[in-house]
Amino acid sequence: MPYLGGLGLDKDDLIQALGLSFTVSTLALAASGAFALGDAGASTAALAPALLGMAAGGAVRGRFSEQAFRRIFFIGSLVLGANLASRALM
């Protein structure tokens, strides 16, 4: 994610590249057997909120300038990274 953010893509291309990256990584995990068949129900249940989030994100993304979007994107990435790091230390 930081690599894609550092490529200097505009906000729509960045979101598309991230979506493709997450899709390919999810398919790779599924192909490697990392997901159990029993997880399909939980994944399907999470699909509706994810689609609603995508729609809301698309609407909000159009209201921000390129610079504001980048700032929010990198701050969000920093918060997510700090959360992961704090959980790893526990």
PDB file of N, CA and C in Angstrom:
ATOM      1  N   MET A   1       0.804  -1.181   0.000  1.00  0.00           N
ATOM      2  CA  MET A   1       0.000   0.000   0.000  1.00  0.00           C
ATOM      3  C   MET A   1       0.856   1.258   0.000  1.00  0.00           C
ATOM      4  N   PRO A   2       1.914   1.353   0.813  1.00  0.00           N
ATOM      5  CA  PRO A   2       2.744   2.559   0.749  1.00  0.00           C
ATOM      6  C   PRO A   2       3.420   2.718  -0.617  1.00  0.00           C
ATOM      7  N   TYR A   3       3.802   1.610  -1.224  1.00  0.00           N
ATOM      8  CA  TYR A   3       4.428   1.684  -2.549  1.00  0.00           C
ATOM      9  C   TYR A   3       3.465   2.286  -3.561  1.00  0.00           C
ATOM     10  N   LEU A   4       2.233   1.792  -3.576  1.00  0.00           N
ATOM     11  CA  LEU A   4       1.244   2.321  -4.513  1.00  0.00           C
ATOM     12  C   LEU A   4       0.952   3.791  -4.226  1.00  0.00           C
ATOM     13  N   GLY A   5       0.934   4.162  -2.953  1.00  0.00           N
ATOM     14  CA  GLY A   5       0.719   5.549  -2.598  1.00  0.00           C
ATOM     15  C   GLY A   5       1.858   6.445  -3.042  1.00  0.00           C
ATOM     16  N   GLY A   6       3.065   5.901  -3.072  1.00  0.00           N
ATOM     17  CA  GLY A   6       4.232   6.676  -3.466  1.00  0.00           C
ATOM     18  C   GLY A   6       4.438   6.783  -4.966  1.00  0.00           C
ATOM     19  N   LEU A   7       3.639   6.098  -5.753  1.00  0.00           N
ATOM     20  CA  LEU A   7       3.804   6.140  -7.204  1.00  0.00           C
ATOM     21  C   LEU A   7       3.329   7.445  -7.827  1.00  0.00           C
ATOM     22  N   GLY A   8       2.591   8.244  -7.073  1.00  0.00           N
ATOM     23  CA  GLY A   8       2.099   9.509  -7.604  1.00  0.00           C
ATOM     24  C   GLY A   8       0.879   9.366  -8.498  1.00  0.00           C
ATOM     25  N   LEU A   9       0.119   8.292  -8.326  1.00  0.00           N
ATOM     26  CA  LEU A   9      -1.108   8.106  -9.104  1.00  0.00           C
ATOM     27  C   LEU A   9      -2.162   9.098  -8.644  1.00  0.00           C
ATOM     28  N   ASP A  10      -3.071   9.479  -9.535  1.00  0.00           N
ATOM     29  CA  ASP A  10      -4.168  10.331  -9.078  1.00  0.00           C
ATOM     30  C   ASP A  10      -5.102   9.479  -8.215  1.00  0.00           C
ATOM     31  N   LYS A  11      -6.017  10.130  -7.512  1.00  0.00           N
ATOM     32  CA  LYS A  11      -6.788   9.426  -6.488  1.00  0.00           C
ATOM     33  C   LYS A  11      -7.635   8.281  -7.042  1.00  0.00           C
ATOM     34  N   ASP A  12      -8.211   8.434  -8.215  1.00  0.00           N
ATOM     35  CA  ASP A  12      -9.013   7.343  -8.774  1.00  0.00           C
ATOM     36  C   ASP A  12      -8.146   6.160  -9.201  1.00  0.00           C
ATOM     37  N   ASP A  13      -6.987   6.448  -9.802  1.00  0.00           N
ATOM     38  CA  ASP A  13      -6.073   5.368 -10.187  1.00  0.00           C
ATOM     39  C   ASP A  13      -5.490   4.665  -8.969  1.00  0.00           C
ATOM     40  N   LEU A  14      -5.223   5.431  -7.905  1.00  0.00           N
ATOM     41  CA  LEU A  14      -4.701   4.837  -6.677  1.00  0.00           C
ATOM     42  C   LEU A  14      -5.712   3.871  -6.073  1.00  0.00           C
ATOM     43  N   ILE A  15      -6.971   4.272  -6.002  1.00  0.00           N
ATOM     44  CA  ILE A  15      -8.014   3.396  -5.450  1.00  0.00           C
ATOM     45  C   ILE A  15      -8.171   2.151  -6.306  1.00  0.00           C
ATOM     46  N   GLN A  16      -8.107   2.312  -7.635  1.00  0.00           N
ATOM     47  CA  GLN A  16      -8.218   1.157  -8.521  1.00  0.00           C
ATOM     48  C   GLN A  16      -7.031   0.214  -8.338  1.00  0.00           C
ATOM     49  N   ALA A  17      -5.821   0.753  -8.221  1.00  0.00           N
ATOM     50  CA  ALA A  17      -4.637  -0.084  -8.021  1.00  0.00           C
ATOM     51  C   ALA A  17      -4.707  -0.819  -6.684  1.00  0.00           C
ATOM     52  N   LEU A  18      -5.181  -0.147  -5.642  1.00  0.00           N
ATOM     53  CA  LEU A  18      -5.319  -0.804  -4.341  1.00  0.00           C
ATOM     54  C   LEU A  18      -6.357  -1.923  -4.406  1.00  0.00           C
ATOM     55  N   GLY A  19      -7.469  -1.668  -5.081  1.00  0.00           N
ATOM     56  CA  GLY A  19      -8.487  -2.704  -5.222  1.00  0.00           C
ATOM     57  C   GLY A  19      -7.969  -3.929  -5.950  1.00  0.00           C
ATOM     58  N   LEU A  20      -7.224  -3.698  -7.017  1.00  0.00           N
ATOM     59  CA  LEU A  20      -6.635  -4.829  -7.750  1.00  0.00           C
ATOM     60  C   LEU A  20      -5.628  -5.581  -6.891  1.00  0.00           C
ATOM     61  N   SER A  21      -4.825  -4.850  -6.146  1.00  0.00           N
ATOM     62  CA  SER A  21      -3.827  -5.476  -5.275  1.00  0.00           C
ATOM     63  C   SER A  21      -4.499  -6.333  -4.206  1.00  0.00           C
ATOM     64  N   PHE A  22      -5.548  -5.795  -3.573  1.00  0.00           N
ATOM     65  CA  PHE A  22      -6.241  -6.563  -2.540  1.00  0.00           C
ATOM     66  C   PHE A  22      -6.954  -7.778  -3.130  1.00  0.00           C
ATOM     67  N   THR A  23      -7.505  -7.642  -4.322  1.00  0.00           N
ATOM     68  CA  THR A  23      -8.176  -8.769  -4.971  1.00  0.00           C
ATOM     69  C   THR A  23      -7.195  -9.881  -5.300  1.00  0.00           C
ATOM     70  N   VAL A  24      -6.064  -9.522  -5.881  1.00  0.00           N
ATOM     71  CA  VAL A  24      -5.061 -10.530  -6.242  1.00  0.00           C
ATOM     72  C   VAL A  24      -4.509 -11.207  -4.992  1.00  0.00           C
ATOM     73  N   SER A  25      -4.250 -10.440  -3.938  1.00  0.00           N
ATOM     74  CA  SER A  25      -3.712 -11.062  -2.725  1.00  0.00           C
ATOM     75  C   SER A  25      -4.742 -11.979  -2.072  1.00  0.00           C
ATOM     76  N   THR A  26      -6.017 -11.611  -2.122  1.00  0.00           N
ATOM     77  CA  THR A  26      -7.061 -12.475  -1.572  1.00  0.00           C
ATOM     78  C   THR A  26      -7.177 -13.772  -2.368  1.00  0.00           C
ATOM     79  N   LEU A  27      -7.117 -13.653  -3.692  1.00  0.00           N
ATOM     80  CA  LEU A  27      -7.166 -14.863  -4.526  1.00  0.00           C
ATOM     81  C   LEU A  27      -5.951 -15.754  -4.293  1.00  0.00           C
ATOM     82  N   ALA A  28      -4.783 -15.151  -4.094  1.00  0.00           N
ATOM     83  CA  ALA A  28      -3.582 -15.937  -3.813  1.00  0.00           C
ATOM     84  C   ALA A  28      -3.710 -16.673  -2.484  1.00  0.00           C
ATOM     85  N   LEU A  29      -4.263 -16.006  -1.481  1.00  0.00           N
ATOM     86  CA  LEU A  29      -4.475 -16.676  -0.192  1.00  0.00           C
ATOM     87  C   LEU A  29      -5.478 -17.819  -0.321  1.00  0.00           C
ATOM     88  N   ALA A  30      -6.530 -17.591  -1.088  1.00  0.00           N
ATOM     89  CA  ALA A  30      -7.533 -18.643  -1.288  1.00  0.00           C
ATOM     90  C   ALA A  30      -6.926 -19.831  -2.027  1.00  0.00           C
ATOM     91  N   ALA A  31      -6.103 -19.561  -3.035  1.00  0.00           N
ATOM     92  CA  ALA A  31      -5.487 -20.640  -3.812  1.00  0.00           C
ATOM     93  C   ALA A  31      -4.486 -21.431  -2.979  1.00  0.00           C
ATOM     94  N   SER A  32      -3.869 -20.788  -1.986  1.00  0.00           N
ATOM     95  CA  SER A  32      -2.880 -21.483  -1.162  1.00  0.00           C
ATOM     96  C   SER A  32      -3.522 -22.304  -0.050  1.00  0.00           C
ATOM     97  N   GLY A  33      -4.851 -22.197   0.087  1.00  0.00           N
ATOM     98  CA  GLY A  33      -5.541 -22.969   1.117  1.00  0.00           C
ATOM     99  C   GLY A  33      -5.606 -22.260   2.453  1.00  0.00           C
ATOM    100  N   ALA A  34      -5.321 -20.966   2.479  1.00  0.00           N
ATOM    101  CA  ALA A  34      -5.332 -20.222   3.736  1.00  0.00           C
ATOM    102  C   ALA A  34      -6.750 -19.980   4.254  1.00  0.00           C
ATOM    103  N   PHE A  35      -7.744 -20.090   3.390  1.00  0.00           N
ATOM    104  CA  PHE A  35      -9.130 -19.906   3.796  1.00  0.00           C
ATOM    105  C   PHE A  35      -9.816 -21.258   3.874  1.00  0.00           C
ATOM    106  N   ALA A  36     -10.585 -21.445   4.931  1.00  0.00           N
ATOM    107  CA  ALA A  36     -11.372 -22.663   5.077  1.00  0.00           C
ATOM    108  C   ALA A  36     -12.732 -22.448   4.417  1.00  0.00           C
ATOM    109  N   LEU A  37     -13.336 -23.502   3.962  1.00  0.00           N
ATOM    110  CA  LEU A  37     -14.634 -23.414   3.310  1.00  0.00           C
ATOM    111  C   LEU A  37     -15.690 -22.852   4.260  1.00  0.00           C
ATOM    112  N   GLY A  38     -15.549 -23.082   5.543  1.00  0.00           N
ATOM    113  CA  GLY A  38     -16.486 -22.562   6.532  1.00  0.00           C
ATOM    114  C   GLY A  38     -16.444 -21.048   6.646  1.00  0.00           C
ATOM    115  N   ASP A  39     -15.380 -20.423   6.155  1.00  0.00           N
ATOM    116  CA  ASP A  39     -15.261 -18.965   6.207  1.00  0.00           C
ATOM    117  C   ASP A  39     -16.082 -18.281   5.117  1.00  0.00           C
ATOM    118  N   ALA A  40     -16.642 -19.036   4.211  1.00  0.00           N
ATOM    119  CA  ALA A  40     -17.396 -18.451   3.098  1.00  0.00           C
ATOM    120  C   ALA A  40     -18.629 -17.699   3.594  1.00  0.00           C
ATOM    121  N   GLY A  41     -19.284 -18.198   4.619  1.00  0.00           N
ATOM    122  CA  GLY A  41     -20.471 -17.527   5.159  1.00  0.00           C
ATOM    123  C   GLY A  41     -20.131 -16.173   5.755  1.00  0.00           C
ATOM    124  N   ALA A  42     -19.064 -16.129   6.540  1.00  0.00           N
ATOM    125  CA  ALA A  42     -18.649 -14.862   7.141  1.00  0.00           C
ATOM    126  C   ALA A  42     -18.195 -13.880   6.070  1.00  0.00           C
ATOM    127  N   SER A  43     -17.520 -14.379   5.055  1.00  0.00           N
ATOM    128  CA  SER A  43     -17.080 -13.510   3.962  1.00  0.00           C
ATOM    129  C   SER A  43     -18.266 -12.956   3.192  1.00  0.00           C
ATOM    130  N   THR A  44     -19.255 -13.782   2.970  1.00  0.00           N
ATOM    131  CA  THR A  44     -20.448 -13.326   2.262  1.00  0.00           C
ATOM    132  C   THR A  44     -21.208 -12.297   3.097  1.00  0.00           C
ATOM    133  N   ALA A  45     -21.274 -12.509   4.403  1.00  0.00           N
ATOM    134  CA  ALA A  45     -21.956 -11.554   5.285  1.00  0.00           C
ATOM    135  C   ALA A  45     -21.226 -10.208   5.307  1.00  0.00           C
ATOM    136  N   ALA A  46     -19.922 -10.218   5.144  1.00  0.00           N
ATOM    137  CA  ALA A  46     -19.145  -8.982   5.155  1.00  0.00           C
ATOM    138  C   ALA A  46     -19.196  -8.247   3.818  1.00  0.00           C
ATOM    139  N   LEU A  47     -19.752  -8.883   2.813  1.00  0.00           N
ATOM    140  CA  LEU A  47     -19.797  -8.277   1.486  1.00  0.00           C
ATOM    141  C   LEU A  47     -20.698  -7.042   1.425  1.00  0.00           C
ATOM    142  N   ALA A  48     -21.865  -7.104   2.053  1.00  0.00           N
ATOM    143  CA  ALA A  48     -22.793  -5.964   2.019  1.00  0.00           C
ATOM    144  C   ALA A  48     -22.197  -4.710   2.651  1.00  0.00           C
ATOM    145  N   PRO A  49     -21.631  -4.778   3.863  1.00  0.00           N
ATOM    146  CA  PRO A  49     -21.018  -3.573   4.424  1.00  0.00           C
ATOM    147  C   PRO A  49     -19.828  -3.075   3.596  1.00  0.00           C
ATOM    148  N   ALA A  50     -19.096  -3.997   3.001  1.00  0.00           N
ATOM    149  CA  ALA A  50     -17.966  -3.584   2.164  1.00  0.00           C
ATOM    150  C   ALA A  50     -18.440  -2.818   0.936  1.00  0.00           C
ATOM    151  N   LEU A  51     -19.506  -3.288   0.311  1.00  0.00           N
ATOM    152  CA  LEU A  51     -20.054  -2.590  -0.852  1.00  0.00           C
ATOM    153  C   LEU A  51     -20.628  -1.230  -0.473  1.00  0.00           C
ATOM    154  N   LEU A  52     -21.276  -1.144   0.684  1.00  0.00           N
ATOM    155  CA  LEU A  52     -21.772   0.150   1.163  1.00  0.00           C
ATOM    156  C   LEU A  52     -20.607   1.105   1.434  1.00  0.00           C
ATOM    157  N   GLY A  53     -19.538   0.583   2.003  1.00  0.00           N
ATOM    158  CA  GLY A  53     -18.351   1.400   2.253  1.00  0.00           C
ATOM    159  C   GLY A  53     -17.709   1.889   0.967  1.00  0.00           C
ATOM    160  N   MET A  54     -17.706   1.033  -0.044  1.00  0.00           N
ATOM    161  CA  MET A  54     -17.167   1.447  -1.346  1.00  0.00           C
ATOM    162  C   MET A  54     -17.993   2.568  -1.947  1.00  0.00           C
ATOM    163  N   ALA A  55     -19.304   2.466  -1.858  1.00  0.00           N
ATOM    164  CA  ALA A  55     -20.178   3.512  -2.397  1.00  0.00           C
ATOM    165  C   ALA A  55     -19.984   4.821  -1.633  1.00  0.00           C
ATOM    166  N   ALA A  56     -19.923   4.738  -0.311  1.00  0.00           N
ATOM    167  CA  ALA A  56     -19.718   5.940   0.502  1.00  0.00           C
ATOM    168  C   ALA A  56     -18.344   6.552   0.224  1.00  0.00           C
ATOM    169  N   GLY A  57     -17.333   5.707   0.101  1.00  0.00           N
ATOM    170  CA  GLY A  57     -15.994   6.199  -0.197  1.00  0.00           C
ATOM    171  C   GLY A  57     -15.911   6.893  -1.537  1.00  0.00           C
ATOM    172  N   GLY A  58     -16.606   6.348  -2.527  1.00  0.00           N
ATOM    173  CA  GLY A  58     -16.624   6.976  -3.846  1.00  0.00           C
ATOM    174  C   GLY A  58     -17.276   8.344  -3.812  1.00  0.00           C
ATOM    175  N   ALA A  59     -18.349   8.457  -3.034  1.00  0.00           N
ATOM    176  CA  ALA A  59     -19.027   9.750  -2.920  1.00  0.00           C
ATOM    177  C   ALA A  59     -18.162  10.771  -2.183  1.00  0.00           C
ATOM    178  N   VAL A  60     -17.508  10.338  -1.133  1.00  0.00           N
ATOM    179  CA  VAL A  60     -16.660  11.242  -0.348  1.00  0.00           C
ATOM    180  C   VAL A  60     -15.398  11.603  -1.121  1.00  0.00           C
ATOM    181  N   ARG A  61     -14.819  10.643  -1.819  1.00  0.00           N
ATOM    182  CA  ARG A  61     -13.573  10.869  -2.554  1.00  0.00           C
ATOM    183  C   ARG A  61     -13.723  11.988  -3.586  1.00  0.00           C
ATOM    184  N   GLY A  62     -14.892  12.089  -4.207  1.00  0.00           N
ATOM    185  CA  GLY A  62     -15.125  13.116  -5.204  1.00  0.00           C
ATOM    186  C   GLY A  62     -15.161  14.520  -4.641  1.00  0.00           C
ATOM    187  N   ARG A  63     -15.343  14.645  -3.345  1.00  0.00           N
ATOM    188  CA  ARG A  63     -15.441  15.966  -2.718  1.00  0.00           C
ATOM    189  C   ARG A  63     -14.101  16.528  -2.272  1.00  0.00           C
ATOM    190  N   PHE A  64     -13.063  15.707  -2.247  1.00  0.00           N
ATOM    191  CA  PHE A  64     -11.761  16.157  -1.771  1.00  0.00           C
ATOM    192  C   PHE A  64     -10.848  16.498  -2.938  1.00  0.00           C
ATOM    193  N   SER A  65     -10.007  17.483  -2.728  1.00  0.00           N
ATOM    194  CA  SER A  65      -8.982  17.790  -3.720  1.00  0.00           C
ATOM    195  C   SER A  65      -7.936  16.677  -3.699  1.00  0.00           C
ATOM    196  N   GLU A  66      -7.106  16.657  -4.717  1.00  0.00           N
ATOM    197  CA  GLU A  66      -6.052  15.638  -4.806  1.00  0.00           C
ATOM    198  C   GLU A  66      -5.134  15.698  -3.582  1.00  0.00           C
ATOM    199  N   GLN A  67      -4.735  16.905  -3.196  1.00  0.00           N
ATOM    200  CA  GLN A  67      -3.814  17.069  -2.065  1.00  0.00           C
ATOM    201  C   GLN A  67      -4.468  16.634  -0.752  1.00  0.00           C
ATOM    202  N   ALA A  68      -5.712  17.019  -0.536  1.00  0.00           N
ATOM    203  CA  ALA A  68      -6.415  16.618   0.688  1.00  0.00           C
ATOM    204  C   ALA A  68      -6.607  15.106   0.728  1.00  0.00           C
ATOM    205  N   PHE A  69      -6.933  14.506  -0.414  1.00  0.00           N
ATOM    206  CA  PHE A  69      -7.105  13.058  -0.470  1.00  0.00           C
ATOM    207  C   PHE A  69      -5.806  12.351  -0.095  1.00  0.00           C
ATOM    208  N   ARG A  70      -4.681  12.811  -0.640  1.00  0.00           N
ATOM    209  CA  ARG A  70      -3.392  12.190  -0.319  1.00  0.00           C
ATOM    210  C   ARG A  70      -3.079  12.306   1.167  1.00  0.00           C
ATOM    211  N   ARG A  71      -3.336  13.473   1.729  1.00  0.00           N
ATOM    212  CA  ARG A  71      -3.070  13.670   3.155  1.00  0.00           C
ATOM    213  C   ARG A  71      -3.919  12.705   3.981  1.00  0.00           C
ATOM    214  N   ILE A  72      -5.199  12.613   3.678  1.00  0.00           N
ATOM    215  CA  ILE A  72      -6.091  11.711   4.414  1.00  0.00           C
ATOM    216  C   ILE A  72      -5.671  10.259   4.201  1.00  0.00           C
ATOM    217  N   PHE A  73      -5.301   9.913   2.976  1.00  0.00           N
ATOM    218  CA  PHE A  73      -4.870   8.546   2.676  1.00  0.00           C
ATOM    219  C   PHE A  73      -3.646   8.156   3.504  1.00  0.00           C
ATOM    220  N   PHE A  74      -2.638   9.034   3.530  1.00  0.00           N
ATOM    221  CA  PHE A  74      -1.416   8.692   4.259  1.00  0.00           C
ATOM    222  C   PHE A  74      -1.613   8.734   5.768  1.00  0.00           C
ATOM    223  N   ILE A  75      -2.457   9.623   6.258  1.00  0.00           N
ATOM    224  CA  ILE A  75      -2.761   9.629   7.692  1.00  0.00           C
ATOM    225  C   ILE A  75      -3.501   8.342   8.068  1.00  0.00           C
ATOM    226  N   GLY A  76      -4.453   7.934   7.241  1.00  0.00           N
ATOM    227  CA  GLY A  76      -5.152   6.671   7.488  1.00  0.00           C
ATOM    228  C   GLY A  76      -4.214   5.479   7.450  1.00  0.00           C
ATOM    229  N   SER A  77      -3.276   5.488   6.516  1.00  0.00           N
ATOM    230  CA  SER A  77      -2.287   4.408   6.434  1.00  0.00           C
ATOM    231  C   SER A  77      -1.411   4.381   7.686  1.00  0.00           C
ATOM    232  N   LEU A  78      -1.037   5.563   8.168  1.00  0.00           N
ATOM    233  CA  LEU A  78      -0.223   5.652   9.380  1.00  0.00           C
ATOM    234  C   LEU A  78      -0.987   5.116  10.591  1.00  0.00           C
ATOM    235  N   VAL A  79      -2.259   5.464  10.696  1.00  0.00           N
ATOM    236  CA  VAL A  79      -3.078   4.988  11.814  1.00  0.00           C
ATOM    237  C   VAL A  79      -3.223   3.461  11.754  1.00  0.00           C
ATOM    238  N   LEU A  80      -3.498   2.927  10.567  1.00  0.00           N
ATOM    239  CA  LEU A  80      -3.609   1.469  10.432  1.00  0.00           C
ATOM    240  C   LEU A  80      -2.292   0.771  10.764  1.00  0.00           C
ATOM    241  N   GLY A  81      -1.189   1.315  10.292  1.00  0.00           N
ATOM    242  CA  GLY A  81       0.119   0.733  10.587  1.00  0.00           C
ATOM    243  C   GLY A  81       0.442   0.776  12.070  1.00  0.00           C
ATOM    244  N   ALA A  82       0.119   1.898  12.728  1.00  0.00           N
ATOM    245  CA  ALA A  82       0.365   2.010  14.170  1.00  0.00           C
ATOM    246  C   ALA A  82      -0.490   1.009  14.940  1.00  0.00           C
ATOM    247  N   ASN A  83      -1.721   0.812  14.493  1.00  0.00           N
ATOM    248  CA  ASN A  83      -2.596  -0.170  15.131  1.00  0.00           C
ATOM    249  C   ASN A  83      -2.015  -1.581  14.996  1.00  0.00           C
ATOM    250  N   LEU A  84      -1.568  -1.925  13.804  1.00  0.00           N
ATOM    251  CA  LEU A  84      -0.964  -3.249  13.601  1.00  0.00           C
ATOM    252  C   LEU A  84       0.297  -3.416  14.430  1.00  0.00           C
ATOM    253  N   ALA A  85       1.121  -2.384  14.492  1.00  0.00           N
ATOM    254  CA  ALA A  85       2.355  -2.455  15.276  1.00  0.00           C
ATOM    255  C   ALA A  85       2.050  -2.602  16.771  1.00  0.00           C
ATOM    256  N   SER A  86       1.057  -1.876  17.265  1.00  0.00           N
ATOM    257  CA  SER A  86       0.721  -1.973  18.675  1.00  0.00           C
ATOM    258  C   SER A  86       0.178  -3.360  19.019  1.00  0.00           C
ATOM    259  N   ARG A  87      -0.581  -3.946  18.100  1.00  0.00           N
ATOM    260  CA  ARG A  87      -1.103  -5.297  18.358  1.00  0.00           C
ATOM    261  C   ARG A  87       0.013  -6.346  18.312  1.00  0.00           C
ATOM    262  N   ALA A  88       1.010  -6.109  17.470  1.00  0.00           N
ATOM    263  CA  ALA A  88       2.125  -7.050  17.370  1.00  0.00           C
ATOM    264  C   ALA A  88       2.972  -7.031  18.653  1.00  0.00           C
ATOM    265  N   LEU A  89       3.002  -5.903  19.324  1.00  0.00           N
ATOM    266  CA  LEU A  89       3.809  -5.777  20.529  1.00  0.00           C
ATOM    267  C   LEU A  89       3.122  -6.351  21.761  1.00  0.00           C
ATOM    268  N   MET A  90       1.809  -6.586  21.664  1.00  0.00           N
ATOM    269  CA  MET A  90       1.062  -7.104  22.818  1.00  0.00           C
ATOM    270  C   MET A  90       1.214  -8.584  22.945  1.00  0.00           C
TER     271      MET A  90
END
